[in-house]
C-alpha atoms as a PDB file:
ATOM      1  CA  MET A   1       0.000   0.000   0.000  1.00  0.00           C
ATOM      2  CA  GLU A   2       1.271   3.466  -0.865  1.00  0.00           C
ATOM      3  CA  LYS A   3       2.236   5.812   1.938  1.00  0.00           C
ATOM      4  CA  LYS A   4      -0.299   8.606   2.376  1.00  0.00           C
ATOM      5  CA  LEU A   5       0.804  12.151   1.655  1.00  0.00           C
ATOM      6  CA  LYS A   6       1.191  14.126   4.888  1.00  0.00           C
ATOM      7  CA  TYR A   7      -0.290  17.281   3.327  1.00  0.00           C
ATOM      8  CA  ARG A   8      -2.929  17.667   0.655  1.00  0.00           C
ATOM      9  CA  LEU A   9      -4.685  20.721  -0.753  1.00  0.00           C
ATOM     10  CA  ILE A  10      -8.103  19.765  -2.068  1.00  0.00           C
ATOM     11  CA  THR A  11      -9.773  22.142  -4.532  1.00  0.00           C
ATOM     12  CA  GLY A  12     -12.985  22.121  -6.509  1.00  0.00           C
ATOM     13  CA  LYS A  13     -16.427  23.576  -7.049  1.00  0.00           C
ATOM     14  CA  ASP A  14     -18.318  24.339  -3.854  1.00  0.00           C
ATOM     15  CA  ASP A  15     -20.798  21.489  -4.107  1.00  0.00           C
ATOM     16  CA  ALA A  16     -21.801  18.229  -2.424  1.00  0.00           C
ATOM     17  CA  ASN A  17     -19.054  16.344  -4.269  1.00  0.00           C
ATOM     18  CA  PHE A  18     -16.374  18.560  -2.711  1.00  0.00           C
ATOM     19  CA  CYS A  19     -17.866  17.981   0.748  1.00  0.00           C
ATOM     20  CA  LYS A  20     -17.890  14.216   0.116  1.00  0.00           C
ATOM     21  CA  ARG A  21     -14.211  14.301  -0.894  1.00  0.00           C
ATOM     22  CA  ILE A  22     -13.252  16.130   2.297  1.00  0.00           C
ATOM     23  CA  SER A  23     -15.458  13.865   4.428  1.00  0.00           C
ATOM     24  CA  LYS A  24     -13.797  10.768   2.944  1.00  0.00           C
ATOM     25  CA  LEU A  25     -10.344  12.111   3.784  1.00  0.00           C
ATOM     26  CA  LEU A  26     -11.455  12.863   7.343  1.00  0.00           C
ATOM     27  CA  ASP A  27     -12.717   9.276   7.616  1.00  0.00           C
ATOM     28  CA  GLU A  28      -9.274   8.100   6.435  1.00  0.00           C
ATOM     29  CA  GLY A  29      -7.549   9.912   9.304  1.00  0.00           C
ATOM     30  CA  TYR A  30      -6.770  13.305   7.793  1.00  0.00           C
ATOM     31  CA  LYS A  31      -7.419  16.452   9.837  1.00  0.00           C
ATOM     32  CA  LEU A  32      -8.446  19.871   8.544  1.00  0.00           C
ATOM     33  CA  TYR A  33      -5.487  22.249   8.384  1.00  0.00           C
ATOM     34  CA  GLY A  34      -6.257  25.949   8.444  1.00  0.00           C
ATOM     35  CA  SER A  35      -9.316  27.715   7.169  1.00  0.00           C
ATOM     36  CA  PRO A  36     -10.968  26.987   3.836  1.00  0.00           C
ATOM     37  CA  SER A  37     -10.501  29.471   1.010  1.00  0.00           C
ATOM     38  CA  CYS A  38     -12.916  30.390  -1.737  1.00  0.00           C
ATOM     39  CA  THR A  39     -12.948  32.418  -4.907  1.00  0.00           C
ATOM     40  CA  PHE A  40     -15.291  33.012  -7.810  1.00  0.00           C
ATOM     41  CA  ASN A  41     -14.140  32.159 -11.340  1.00  0.00           C
ATOM     42  CA  GLY A  42     -16.976  33.954 -13.133  1.00  0.00           C
ATOM     43  CA  GLU A  43     -19.233  30.895 -13.110  1.00  0.00           C
ATOM     44  CA  ASP A  44     -18.705  28.895  -9.934  1.00  0.00           C
ATOM     45  CA  VAL A  45     -17.468  29.329  -6.393  1.00  0.00           C
ATOM     46  CA  ILE A  46     -14.185  27.411  -6.134  1.00  0.00           C
ATOM     47  CA  VAL A  47     -13.085  26.232  -2.698  1.00  0.00           C
ATOM     48  CA  ALA A  48      -9.842  24.912  -1.257  1.00  0.00           C
ATOM     49  CA  GLN A  49      -9.157  23.079   1.990  1.00  0.00           C
ATOM     50  CA  ALA A  50      -5.831  21.789   3.249  1.00  0.00           C
ATOM     51  CA  VAL A  51      -5.715  18.520   5.164  1.00  0.00           C
ATOM     52  CA  ILE A  52      -2.853  16.822   7.012  1.00  0.00           C
ATOM     53  CA  ILE A  53      -2.232  13.405   8.491  1.00  0.00           C
ATOM     54  CA  ASN A  54       0.085  12.476  11.345  1.00  0.00           C
ATOM     55  CA  ASP A  55       2.587   9.670  10.660  1.00  0.00           C
ATOM     56  CA  ASN A  56       1.145   7.774  13.639  1.00  0.00           C
ATOM     57  CA  SER A  57      -2.373   7.908  12.132  1.00  0.00           C
ATOM     58  CA  GLU A  58      -1.491   6.151   8.886  1.00  0.00           C
ATOM     59  CA  LYS A  59      -3.185   2.857   8.171  1.00  0.00           C
ATOM     60  CA  LYS A  60      -0.736   0.199   7.058  1.00  0.00           C
END
């Protein structure tokens, strides 16, 4: 099994799919890191959320 990245920045449209992606990572042991960011690209609100995982939390 591949080692999980310690830091990830997840980006996407502000929709249910984005929330599901973040929720899945939280279920896998990641923790939110910092505040979310958002911007508007002229059509959609785009959001970003950083997540981190501690080496001791990794599933092997």
